[in-house]
């Protein structure tokens, strides 16, 4: 029985971390959309849409780099979330037979 308590505590922390990661992903996605809108506005103001042109706005270049970094971070967070979900799922299946055996 003592082992079940440990499992529930670990599962609760995993659930909390998964919820925090999901919230962070949502926030970063929103920021990413805002940055995309700002890049578009900068390009339209300068009437230059090709980042390889010398007249391309420097601020748009910086925003593109920031957007790319955020996209990479979001991808890493998705991987971490998938890993947590997989660990939680395997923890449930690993502990289920033991819990049934202990209840007999």
Protein backbone atom coordinates (compact mmCIF):
# COMPACT_ATOMS: atom_id res chain seq x y z
CA UNK A 1 0.00 0.00 0.00
CA UNK A 2 2.83 2.37 0.79
CA UNK A 3 4.02 2.14 -2.81
CA UNK A 4 0.65 3.31 -4.11
CA UNK A 5 0.99 6.59 -2.21
CA UNK A 6 4.37 7.24 -3.79
CA UNK A 7 2.90 6.53 -7.21
CA UNK A 8 0.02 8.94 -6.68
CA UNK A 9 2.37 11.71 -5.57
CA UNK A 10 4.62 11.17 -8.60
CA UNK A 11 1.64 11.11 -10.92
CA UNK A 12 0.31 14.33 -9.41
CA UNK A 13 3.64 16.07 -10.01
CA UNK A 14 3.76 14.74 -13.58
CA UNK A 15 0.23 16.02 -14.18
CA UNK A 16 1.12 19.41 -12.76
CA UNK A 17 4.24 19.65 -14.90
CA UNK A 18 2.28 18.60 -18.00
CA UNK A 19 -0.32 21.30 -17.28
CA UNK A 20 2.40 23.91 -16.82
CA UNK A 21 4.11 22.89 -20.06
CA UNK A 22 0.78 22.98 -21.94
CA UNK A 23 0.10 26.47 -20.62
CA UNK A 24 3.58 27.62 -21.57
CA UNK A 25 3.16 26.22 -25.09
CA UNK A 26 -0.12 28.12 -25.44
CA UNK A 27 1.49 31.36 -24.26
CA UNK A 28 4.46 30.96 -26.59
CA UNK A 29 2.17 30.15 -29.53
CA UNK A 30 0.30 33.40 -28.87
CA UNK A 31 3.58 35.34 -28.74
CA UNK A 32 4.67 33.65 -31.98
CA UNK A 33 1.50 34.87 -33.73
CA UNK A 34 2.09 38.40 -32.42
CA UNK A 35 5.66 38.34 -33.72
CA UNK A 36 4.43 37.12 -37.13
CA UNK A 37 2.01 40.05 -37.28
CA UNK A 38 4.79 42.47 -36.36
CA UNK A 39 7.10 41.01 -39.03
CA UNK A 40 4.34 41.41 -41.62
CA UNK A 41 3.76 45.01 -40.55
CA UNK A 42 7.49 45.80 -40.77
CA UNK A 43 7.72 44.24 -44.23
CA UNK A 44 4.66 46.11 -45.47
CA UNK A 45 5.98 49.43 -44.13
CA UNK A 46 9.30 48.90 -45.90
CA UNK A 47 7.64 47.24 -48.92
CA UNK A 48 10.42 44.66 -48.82
CA UNK A 49 9.36 41.05 -48.29
CA UNK A 50 12.56 39.19 -49.14
CA UNK A 51 14.86 38.78 -46.13
CA UNK A 52 17.86 38.34 -48.44
CA UNK A 53 17.51 41.93 -49.76
CA UNK A 54 19.72 44.57 -48.19
CA UNK A 55 16.72 46.89 -47.77
CA UNK A 56 14.92 44.35 -45.58
CA UNK A 57 14.19 45.95 -42.18
CA UNK A 58 16.70 45.07 -39.48
CA UNK A 59 13.95 44.91 -36.87
CA UNK A 60 12.13 42.32 -39.00
CA UNK A 61 15.35 40.28 -39.20
CA UNK A 62 15.65 40.36 -35.43
CA UNK A 63 12.00 39.40 -35.02
CA UNK A 64 12.46 36.50 -37.44
CA UNK A 65 15.39 35.22 -35.36
CA UNK A 66 13.32 35.54 -32.20
CA UNK A 67 10.39 33.76 -33.85
CA UNK A 68 12.67 30.93 -34.99
CA UNK A 69 14.07 30.53 -31.46
CA UNK A 70 10.57 30.47 -29.99
CA UNK A 71 9.46 27.89 -32.55
CA UNK A 72 12.44 25.72 -31.56
CA UNK A 73 11.56 26.14 -27.88
CA UNK A 74 7.94 25.20 -28.56
CA UNK A 75 9.12 22.08 -30.38
CA UNK A 76 11.28 21.12 -27.40
CA UNK A 77 8.37 21.67 -25.03
CA UNK A 78 6.14 19.46 -27.20
CA UNK A 79 8.80 16.72 -26.98
CA UNK A 80 9.00 17.11 -23.18
CA UNK A 81 5.22 16.96 -22.90
CA UNK A 82 5.07 13.81 -25.04
CA UNK A 83 7.78 12.26 -22.87
CA UNK A 84 5.84 13.09 -19.69
CA UNK A 85 2.66 11.63 -21.13
CA UNK A 86 4.52 8.47 -22.16
CA UNK A 87 6.15 8.14 -18.72
CA UNK A 88 2.84 8.64 -16.97
CA UNK A 89 1.19 6.06 -19.19
CA UNK A 90 3.94 3.50 -18.62
CA UNK A 91 3.92 4.23 -14.87
CA UNK A 92 0.21 3.49 -14.74
CA UNK A 93 0.65 0.20 -16.60
CA UNK A 94 3.73 -0.80 -14.54
CA UNK A 95 2.03 -0.17 -11.20
CA UNK A 96 -1.41 -1.53 -12.02
CA UNK A 97 -0.56 -5.27 -11.61
CA UNK A 98 1.27 -4.58 -8.35
CA UNK A 99 -1.69 -2.66 -6.95
CA UNK A 100 -4.05 -5.51 -7.84
CA UNK A 101 -1.72 -8.08 -6.27
CA UNK A 102 -1.46 -6.04 -3.07
CA UNK A 103 -5.22 -5.79 -2.73
CA UNK A 104 -5.62 -9.62 -2.61
